[in-house]
Amino acid sequence: MNELYEAIEQKIKASGYPRAISGEDVYNDICDQIDGKENGTYLLLSKFEEDVVFEYHITIQDEDFNLGILTMRTPEGVFEADFDA
């Protein structure tokens, strides 16, 4: 799992996101957001920090999910990480 968390952190940092980030926290937030949802494609919003909103573009399948795009809206600007690239 640590490799997955590191990959998430690297993608987010590569987008120019200026704050400290934990791949594990992002992964857990996604899991909380999709808990109980049916298969399909969703745009989910999460207030990740007091002044930061994460937009997850997620496709949920039977046993897993695919995070396509993560848009991070902060006072410093808007940052986007494409996890399908």
PDB file of N, CA and C in Angstrom:
ATOM      1  N   MET A   1       0.826  -1.207   0.000  1.00  0.00           N
ATOM      2  CA  MET A   1       0.000   0.000   0.000  1.00  0.00           C
ATOM      3  C   MET A   1       0.863   1.261   0.000  1.00  0.00           C
ATOM      4  N   ASN A   2       2.048   1.175   0.618  1.00  0.00           N
ATOM      5  CA  ASN A   2       2.901   2.361   0.658  1.00  0.00           C
ATOM      6  C   ASN A   2       3.258   2.846  -0.734  1.00  0.00           C
ATOM      7  N   GLU A   3       3.437   1.923  -1.692  1.00  0.00           N
ATOM      8  CA  GLU A   3       3.731   2.319  -3.070  1.00  0.00           C
ATOM      9  C   GLU A   3       2.567   3.097  -3.661  1.00  0.00           C
ATOM     10  N   LEU A   4       1.363   2.668  -3.365  1.00  0.00           N
ATOM     11  CA  LEU A   4       0.176   3.363  -3.853  1.00  0.00           C
ATOM     12  C   LEU A   4       0.097   4.766  -3.255  1.00  0.00           C
ATOM     13  N   TYR A   5       0.319   4.869  -1.960  1.00  0.00           N
ATOM     14  CA  TYR A   5       0.276   6.171  -1.292  1.00  0.00           C
ATOM     15  C   TYR A   5       1.327   7.113  -1.881  1.00  0.00           C
ATOM     16  N   GLU A   6       2.526   6.588  -2.124  1.00  0.00           N
ATOM     17  CA  GLU A   6       3.600   7.402  -2.697  1.00  0.00           C
ATOM     18  C   GLU A   6       3.258   7.847  -4.111  1.00  0.00           C
ATOM     19  N   ALA A   7       2.634   6.964  -4.893  1.00  0.00           N
ATOM     20  CA  ALA A   7       2.231   7.314  -6.258  1.00  0.00           C
ATOM     21  C   ALA A   7       1.195   8.439  -6.243  1.00  0.00           C
ATOM     22  N   ILE A   8       0.252   8.375  -5.315  1.00  0.00           N
ATOM     23  CA  ILE A   8      -0.753   9.437  -5.183  1.00  0.00           C
ATOM     24  C   ILE A   8      -0.067  10.752  -4.842  1.00  0.00           C
ATOM     25  N   GLU A   9       0.836  10.723  -3.870  1.00  0.00           N
ATOM     26  CA  GLU A   9       1.559  11.940  -3.471  1.00  0.00           C
ATOM     27  C   GLU A   9       2.353  12.520  -4.634  1.00  0.00           C
ATOM     28  N   GLN A  10       3.031  11.675  -5.390  1.00  0.00           N
ATOM     29  CA  GLN A  10       3.841  12.153  -6.515  1.00  0.00           C
ATOM     30  C   GLN A  10       2.986  12.825  -7.573  1.00  0.00           C
ATOM     31  N   LYS A  11       1.846  12.233  -7.909  1.00  0.00           N
ATOM     32  CA  LYS A  11       0.948  12.827  -8.911  1.00  0.00           C
ATOM     33  C   LYS A  11       0.448  14.191  -8.439  1.00  0.00           C
ATOM     34  N   ILE A  12       0.081  14.283  -7.177  1.00  0.00           N
ATOM     35  CA  ILE A  12      -0.433  15.545  -6.645  1.00  0.00           C
ATOM     36  C   ILE A  12       0.664  16.597  -6.631  1.00  0.00           C
ATOM     37  N   LYS A  13       1.840  16.242  -6.177  1.00  0.00           N
ATOM     38  CA  LYS A  13       2.958  17.191  -6.149  1.00  0.00           C
ATOM     39  C   LYS A  13       3.328  17.637  -7.559  1.00  0.00           C
ATOM     40  N   ALA A  14       3.279  16.732  -8.535  1.00  0.00           N
ATOM     41  CA  ALA A  14       3.599  17.058  -9.925  1.00  0.00           C
ATOM     42  C   ALA A  14       2.614  18.072 -10.514  1.00  0.00           C
ATOM     43  N   SER A  15       1.408  18.140  -9.948  1.00  0.00           N
ATOM     44  CA  SER A  15       0.412  19.102 -10.435  1.00  0.00           C
ATOM     45  C   SER A  15       0.740  20.529  -9.998  1.00  0.00           C
ATOM     46  N   GLY A  16       1.696  20.655  -9.069  1.00  0.00           N
ATOM     47  CA  GLY A  16       2.052  21.971  -8.535  1.00  0.00           C
ATOM     48  C   GLY A  16       1.382  22.289  -7.215  1.00  0.00           C
ATOM     49  N   TYR A  17       0.635  21.340  -6.672  1.00  0.00           N
ATOM     50  CA  TYR A  17      -0.051  21.543  -5.395  1.00  0.00           C
ATOM     51  C   TYR A  17       0.974  21.977  -4.353  1.00  0.00           C
ATOM     52  N   PRO A  18       0.770  23.157  -3.734  1.00  0.00           N
ATOM     53  CA  PRO A  18       1.824  23.747  -2.899  1.00  0.00           C
ATOM     54  C   PRO A  18       1.856  23.301  -1.435  1.00  0.00           C
ATOM     55  N   ARG A  19       0.933  22.488  -1.018  1.00  0.00           N
ATOM     56  CA  ARG A  19       0.847  22.119   0.401  1.00  0.00           C
ATOM     57  C   ARG A  19       1.364  20.707   0.643  1.00  0.00           C
ATOM     58  N   ALA A  20       1.638  20.410   1.900  1.00  0.00           N
ATOM     59  CA  ALA A  20       2.011  19.043   2.271  1.00  0.00           C
ATOM     60  C   ALA A  20       0.797  18.146   2.036  1.00  0.00           C
ATOM     61  N   ILE A  21       1.061  16.926   1.589  1.00  0.00           N
ATOM     62  CA  ILE A  21      -0.030  16.018   1.284  1.00  0.00           C
ATOM     63  C   ILE A  21       0.348  14.597   1.678  1.00  0.00           C
ATOM     64  N   SER A  22      -0.620  13.844   2.151  1.00  0.00           N
ATOM     65  CA  SER A  22      -0.423  12.441   2.496  1.00  0.00           C
ATOM     66  C   SER A  22      -1.243  11.592   1.535  1.00  0.00           C
ATOM     67  N   GLY A  23      -0.567  10.724   0.793  1.00  0.00           N
ATOM     68  CA  GLY A  23      -1.267   9.820  -0.109  1.00  0.00           C
ATOM     69  C   GLY A  23      -2.230   8.913   0.636  1.00  0.00           C
ATOM     70  N   GLU A  24      -1.841   8.527   1.844  1.00  0.00           N
ATOM     71  CA  GLU A  24      -2.719   7.686   2.653  1.00  0.00           C
ATOM     72  C   GLU A  24      -3.992   8.436   3.031  1.00  0.00           C
ATOM     73  N   ASP A  25      -3.869   9.711   3.401  1.00  0.00           N
ATOM     74  CA  ASP A  25      -5.048  10.512   3.749  1.00  0.00           C
ATOM     75  C   ASP A  25      -5.973  10.675   2.547  1.00  0.00           C
ATOM     76  N   VAL A  26      -5.402  10.900   1.370  1.00  0.00           N
ATOM     77  CA  VAL A  26      -6.210  11.043   0.154  1.00  0.00           C
ATOM     78  C   VAL A  26      -6.925   9.726  -0.141  1.00  0.00           C
ATOM     79  N   TYR A  27      -6.205   8.616  -0.082  1.00  0.00           N
ATOM     80  CA  TYR A  27      -6.797   7.307  -0.339  1.00  0.00           C
ATOM     81  C   TYR A  27      -7.942   7.023   0.639  1.00  0.00           C
ATOM     82  N   ASN A  28      -7.711   7.284   1.915  1.00  0.00           N
ATOM     83  CA  ASN A  28      -8.751   7.046   2.921  1.00  0.00           C
ATOM     84  C   ASN A  28      -9.956   7.948   2.710  1.00  0.00           C
ATOM     85  N   ASP A  29      -9.718   9.188   2.290  1.00  0.00           N
ATOM     86  CA  ASP A  29     -10.823  10.105   1.999  1.00  0.00           C
ATOM     87  C   ASP A  29     -11.665   9.577   0.841  1.00  0.00           C
ATOM     88  N   ILE A  30     -10.984   9.080  -0.192  1.00  0.00           N
ATOM     89  CA  ILE A  30     -11.708   8.501  -1.332  1.00  0.00           C
ATOM     90  C   ILE A  30     -12.542   7.315  -0.863  1.00  0.00           C
ATOM     91  N   CYS A  31     -11.949   6.426  -0.092  1.00  0.00           N
ATOM     92  CA  CYS A  31     -12.681   5.244   0.391  1.00  0.00           C
ATOM     93  C   CYS A  31     -13.905   5.652   1.209  1.00  0.00           C
ATOM     94  N   ASP A  32     -13.767   6.679   2.037  1.00  0.00           N
ATOM     95  CA  ASP A  32     -14.907   7.177   2.809  1.00  0.00           C
ATOM     96  C   ASP A  32     -15.986   7.734   1.890  1.00  0.00           C
ATOM     97  N   GLN A  33     -15.563   8.451   0.846  1.00  0.00           N
ATOM     98  CA  GLN A  33     -16.508   9.075  -0.087  1.00  0.00           C
ATOM     99  C   GLN A  33     -17.306   8.039  -0.889  1.00  0.00           C
ATOM    100  N   ILE A  34     -16.658   6.932  -1.259  1.00  0.00           N
ATOM    101  CA  ILE A  34     -17.325   5.961  -2.137  1.00  0.00           C
ATOM    102  C   ILE A  34     -18.022   4.842  -1.380  1.00  0.00           C
ATOM    103  N   ASP A  35     -17.864   4.803  -0.078  1.00  0.00           N
ATOM    104  CA  ASP A  35     -18.468   3.747   0.718  1.00  0.00           C
ATOM    105  C   ASP A  35     -19.975   3.693   0.489  1.00  0.00           C
ATOM    106  N   GLY A  36     -20.447   2.534   0.060  1.00  0.00           N
ATOM    107  CA  GLY A  36     -21.880   2.330  -0.129  1.00  0.00           C
ATOM    108  C   GLY A  36     -22.421   2.781  -1.476  1.00  0.00           C
ATOM    109  N   LYS A  37     -21.571   3.332  -2.336  1.00  0.00           N
ATOM    110  CA  LYS A  37     -22.031   3.793  -3.653  1.00  0.00           C
ATOM    111  C   LYS A  37     -22.090   2.619  -4.627  1.00  0.00           C
ATOM    112  N   GLU A  38     -23.025   2.695  -5.552  1.00  0.00           N
ATOM    113  CA  GLU A  38     -23.173   1.674  -6.580  1.00  0.00           C
ATOM    114  C   GLU A  38     -22.138   1.895  -7.675  1.00  0.00           C
ATOM    115  N   ASN A  39     -21.957   0.880  -8.520  1.00  0.00           N
ATOM    116  CA  ASN A  39     -21.066   1.018  -9.664  1.00  0.00           C
ATOM    117  C   ASN A  39     -21.508   2.199 -10.514  1.00  0.00           C
ATOM    118  N   GLY A  40     -20.532   2.945 -11.028  1.00  0.00           N
ATOM    119  CA  GLY A  40     -20.845   4.087 -11.872  1.00  0.00           C
ATOM    120  C   GLY A  40     -19.731   5.110 -11.808  1.00  0.00           C
ATOM    121  N   THR A  41     -19.967   6.225 -12.486  1.00  0.00           N
ATOM    122  CA  THR A  41     -19.008   7.321 -12.522  1.00  0.00           C
ATOM    123  C   THR A  41     -19.552   8.464 -11.690  1.00  0.00           C
ATOM    124  N   TYR A  42     -18.698   9.026 -10.854  1.00  0.00           N
ATOM    125  CA  TYR A  42     -19.119  10.054  -9.910  1.00  0.00           C
ATOM    126  C   TYR A  42     -18.155  11.232  -9.907  1.00  0.00           C
ATOM    127  N   LEU A  43     -18.680  12.399  -9.602  1.00  0.00           N
ATOM    128  CA  LEU A  43     -17.896  13.574  -9.247  1.00  0.00           C
ATOM    129  C   LEU A  43     -18.199  13.825  -7.778  1.00  0.00           C
ATOM    130  N   LEU A  44     -17.191  13.619  -6.926  1.00  0.00           N
ATOM    131  CA  LEU A  44     -17.379  13.751  -5.489  1.00  0.00           C
ATOM    132  C   LEU A  44     -16.560  14.918  -4.964  1.00  0.00           C
ATOM    133  N   LEU A  45     -17.152  15.704  -4.094  1.00  0.00           N
ATOM    134  CA  LEU A  45     -16.471  16.842  -3.497  1.00  0.00           C
ATOM    135  C   LEU A  45     -16.147  16.529  -2.045  1.00  0.00           C
ATOM    136  N   SER A  46     -14.972  16.974  -1.621  1.00  0.00           N
ATOM    137  CA  SER A  46     -14.557  16.755  -0.240  1.00  0.00           C
ATOM    138  C   SER A  46     -13.824  17.992   0.252  1.00  0.00           C
ATOM    139  N   LYS A  47     -14.221  18.473   1.410  1.00  0.00           N
ATOM    140  CA  LYS A  47     -13.494  19.576   2.034  1.00  0.00           C
ATOM    141  C   LYS A  47     -12.294  18.953   2.731  1.00  0.00           C
ATOM    142  N   PHE A  48     -11.177  18.903   2.004  1.00  0.00           N
ATOM    143  CA  PHE A  48     -10.012  18.156   2.468  1.00  0.00           C
ATOM    144  C   PHE A  48      -9.319  18.855   3.628  1.00  0.00           C
ATOM    145  N   GLU A  49      -9.274  20.167   3.581  1.00  0.00           N
ATOM    146  CA  GLU A  49      -8.781  20.993   4.677  1.00  0.00           C
ATOM    147  C   GLU A  49      -9.770  22.132   4.845  1.00  0.00           C
ATOM    148  N   GLU A  50      -9.526  22.981   5.841  1.00  0.00           N
ATOM    149  CA  GLU A  50     -10.426  24.099   6.112  1.00  0.00           C
ATOM    150  C   GLU A  50     -10.736  24.920   4.856  1.00  0.00           C
ATOM    151  N   ASP A  51      -9.701  25.194   4.042  1.00  0.00           N
ATOM    152  CA  ASP A  51      -9.869  26.064   2.880  1.00  0.00           C
ATOM    153  C   ASP A  51      -9.508  25.367   1.564  1.00  0.00           C
ATOM    154  N   VAL A  52      -9.550  24.036   1.545  1.00  0.00           N
ATOM    155  CA  VAL A  52      -9.196  23.259   0.359  1.00  0.00           C
ATOM    156  C   VAL A  52     -10.324  22.286   0.026  1.00  0.00           C
ATOM    157  N   VAL A  53     -10.758  22.301  -1.232  1.00  0.00           N
ATOM    158  CA  VAL A  53     -11.783  21.374  -1.702  1.00  0.00           C
ATOM    159  C   VAL A  53     -11.163  20.473  -2.762  1.00  0.00           C
ATOM    160  N   PHE A  54     -11.335  19.173  -2.587  1.00  0.00           N
ATOM    161  CA  PHE A  54     -10.885  18.198  -3.568  1.00  0.00           C
ATOM    162  C   PHE A  54     -12.103  17.727  -4.358  1.00  0.00           C
ATOM    163  N   GLU A  55     -11.972  17.685  -5.682  1.00  0.00           N
ATOM    164  CA  GLU A  55     -12.985  17.124  -6.576  1.00  0.00           C
ATOM    165  C   GLU A  55     -12.421  15.819  -7.125  1.00  0.00           C
ATOM    166  N   TYR A  56     -13.070  14.723  -6.801  1.00  0.00           N
ATOM    167  CA  TYR A  56     -12.650  13.415  -7.286  1.00  0.00           C
ATOM    168  C   TYR A  56     -13.545  13.000  -8.455  1.00  0.00           C
ATOM    169  N   HIS A  57     -12.945  12.678  -9.590  1.00  0.00           N
ATOM    170  CA  HIS A  57     -13.663  12.111 -10.735  1.00  0.00           C
ATOM    171  C   HIS A  57     -13.368  10.616 -10.685  1.00  0.00           C
ATOM    172  N   ILE A  58     -14.332   9.850 -10.226  1.00  0.00           N
ATOM    173  CA  ILE A  58     -14.102   8.445  -9.887  1.00  0.00           C
ATOM    174  C   ILE A  58     -15.089   7.536 -10.622  1.00  0.00           C
ATOM    175  N   THR A  59     -14.561   6.396 -11.071  1.00  0.00           N
ATOM    176  CA  THR A  59     -15.399   5.322 -11.589  1.00  0.00           C
ATOM    177  C   THR A  59     -15.304   4.166 -10.605  1.00  0.00           C
ATOM    178  N   ILE A  60     -16.458   3.712 -10.146  1.00  0.00           N
ATOM    179  CA  ILE A  60     -16.516   2.622  -9.173  1.00  0.00           C
ATOM    180  C   ILE A  60     -16.945   1.351  -9.900  1.00  0.00           C
ATOM    181  N   GLN A  61     -16.155   0.279  -9.681  1.00  0.00           N
ATOM    182  CA  GLN A  61     -16.492  -1.039 -10.190  1.00  0.00           C
ATOM    183  C   GLN A  61     -16.778  -1.939  -8.997  1.00  0.00           C
ATOM    184  N   ASP A  62     -17.066  -3.210  -9.273  1.00  0.00           N
ATOM    185  CA  ASP A  62     -17.457  -4.143  -8.214  1.00  0.00           C
ATOM    186  C   ASP A  62     -16.485  -4.171  -7.043  1.00  0.00           C
ATOM    187  N   GLU A  63     -15.222  -4.381  -7.301  1.00  0.00           N
ATOM    188  CA  GLU A  63     -14.260  -4.588  -6.222  1.00  0.00           C
ATOM    189  C   GLU A  63     -13.242  -3.469  -6.074  1.00  0.00           C
ATOM    190  N   ASP A  64     -13.283  -2.462  -6.957  1.00  0.00           N
ATOM    191  CA  ASP A  64     -12.280  -1.407  -6.885  1.00  0.00           C
ATOM    192  C   ASP A  64     -12.829  -0.108  -7.457  1.00  0.00           C
ATOM    193  N   PHE A  65     -11.938   0.872  -7.587  1.00  0.00           N
ATOM    194  CA  PHE A  65     -12.326   2.145  -8.175  1.00  0.00           C
ATOM    195  C   PHE A  65     -11.164   2.686  -8.984  1.00  0.00           C
ATOM    196  N   ASN A  66     -11.479   3.612  -9.886  1.00  0.00           N
ATOM    197  CA  ASN A  66     -10.460   4.285 -10.674  1.00  0.00           C
ATOM    198  C   ASN A  66     -10.610   5.785 -10.465  1.00  0.00           C
ATOM    199  N   LEU A  67      -9.573   6.392  -9.933  1.00  0.00           N
ATOM    200  CA  LEU A  67      -9.534   7.844  -9.806  1.00  0.00           C
ATOM    201  C   LEU A  67      -8.966   8.384 -11.100  1.00  0.00           C
ATOM    202  N   GLY A  68      -9.783   9.090 -11.875  1.00  0.00           N
ATOM    203  CA  GLY A  68      -9.335   9.640 -13.146  1.00  0.00           C
ATOM    204  C   GLY A  68      -8.649  10.977 -12.950  1.00  0.00           C
ATOM    205  N   ILE A  69      -9.402  11.960 -12.489  1.00  0.00           N
ATOM    206  CA  ILE A  69      -8.900  13.326 -12.305  1.00  0.00           C
ATOM    207  C   ILE A  69      -9.152  13.753 -10.861  1.00  0.00           C
ATOM    208  N   LEU A  70      -8.178  14.410 -10.295  1.00  0.00           N
ATOM    209  CA  LEU A  70      -8.328  15.028  -8.983  1.00  0.00           C
ATOM    210  C   LEU A  70      -8.055  16.513  -9.160  1.00  0.00           C
ATOM    211  N   THR A  71      -9.061  17.329  -8.879  1.00  0.00           N
ATOM    212  CA  THR A  71      -8.914  18.786  -8.935  1.00  0.00           C
ATOM    213  C   THR A  71      -8.893  19.299  -7.514  1.00  0.00           C
ATOM    214  N   MET A  72      -7.876  20.098  -7.209  1.00  0.00           N
ATOM    215  CA  MET A  72      -7.701  20.638  -5.865  1.00  0.00           C
ATOM    216  C   MET A  72      -7.877  22.150  -5.928  1.00  0.00           C
ATOM    217  N   ARG A  73      -8.882  22.651  -5.246  1.00  0.00           N
ATOM    218  CA  ARG A  73      -9.173  24.088  -5.234  1.00  0.00           C
ATOM    219  C   ARG A  73      -8.697  24.669  -3.903  1.00  0.00           C
ATOM    220  N   THR A  74      -7.725  25.581  -3.997  1.00  0.00           N
ATOM    221  CA  THR A  74      -7.109  26.170  -2.814  1.00  0.00           C
ATOM    222  C   THR A  74      -7.063  27.685  -2.970  1.00  0.00           C
ATOM    223  N   PRO A  75      -6.796  28.419  -1.900  1.00  0.00           N
ATOM    224  CA  PRO A  75      -6.605  29.861  -2.029  1.00  0.00           C
ATOM    225  C   PRO A  75      -5.407  30.201  -2.933  1.00  0.00           C
ATOM    226  N   GLU A  76      -4.443  29.273  -3.029  1.00  0.00           N
ATOM    227  CA  GLU A  76      -3.270  29.500  -3.868  1.00  0.00           C
ATOM    228  C   GLU A  76      -3.557  29.294  -5.350  1.00  0.00           C
ATOM    229  N   GLY A  77      -4.660  28.640  -5.666  1.00  0.00           N
ATOM    230  CA  GLY A  77      -5.016  28.367  -7.067  1.00  0.00           C
ATOM    231  C   GLY A  77      -5.698  27.022  -7.212  1.00  0.00           C
ATOM    232  N   VAL A  78      -5.930  26.649  -8.463  1.00  0.00           N
ATOM    233  CA  VAL A  78      -6.569  25.376  -8.784  1.00  0.00           C
ATOM    234  C   VAL A  78      -5.505  24.477  -9.407  1.00  0.00           C
ATOM    235  N   PHE A  79      -5.420  23.244  -8.917  1.00  0.00           N
ATOM    236  CA  PHE A  79      -4.419  22.292  -9.372  1.00  0.00           C
ATOM    237  C   PHE A  79      -5.133  21.014  -9.783  1.00  0.00           C
ATOM    238  N   GLU A  80      -4.641  20.380 -10.855  1.00  0.00           N
ATOM    239  CA  GLU A  80      -5.311  19.198 -11.364  1.00  0.00           C
ATOM    240  C   GLU A  80      -4.287  18.084 -11.603  1.00  0.00           C
ATOM    241  N   ALA A  81      -4.599  16.907 -11.089  1.00  0.00           N
ATOM    242  CA  ALA A  81      -3.765  15.724 -11.289  1.00  0.00           C
ATOM    243  C   ALA A  81      -4.574  14.708 -12.096  1.00  0.00           C
ATOM    244  N   ASP A  82      -4.017  14.275 -13.233  1.00  0.00           N
ATOM    245  CA  ASP A  82      -4.671  13.288 -14.100  1.00  0.00           C
ATOM    246  C   ASP A  82      -4.056  11.924 -13.800  1.00  0.00           C
ATOM    247  N   PHE A  83      -4.798  11.077 -13.121  1.00  0.00           N
ATOM    248  CA  PHE A  83      -4.292   9.776 -12.720  1.00  0.00           C
ATOM    249  C   PHE A  83      -4.398   8.750 -13.842  1.00  0.00           C
ATOM    250  N   ASP A  84      -5.050   9.105 -14.939  1.00  0.00           N
ATOM    251  CA  ASP A  84      -5.149   8.207 -16.092  1.00  0.00           C
ATOM    252  C   ASP A  84      -4.019   8.451 -17.083  1.00  0.00           C
ATOM    253  N   ALA A  85      -3.248   9.529 -16.883  1.00  0.00           N
ATOM    254  CA  ALA A  85      -2.167   9.851 -17.836  1.00  0.00           C
ATOM    255  C   ALA A  85      -0.936   9.026 -17.568  1.00  0.00           C
TER     256      ALA A  85
END
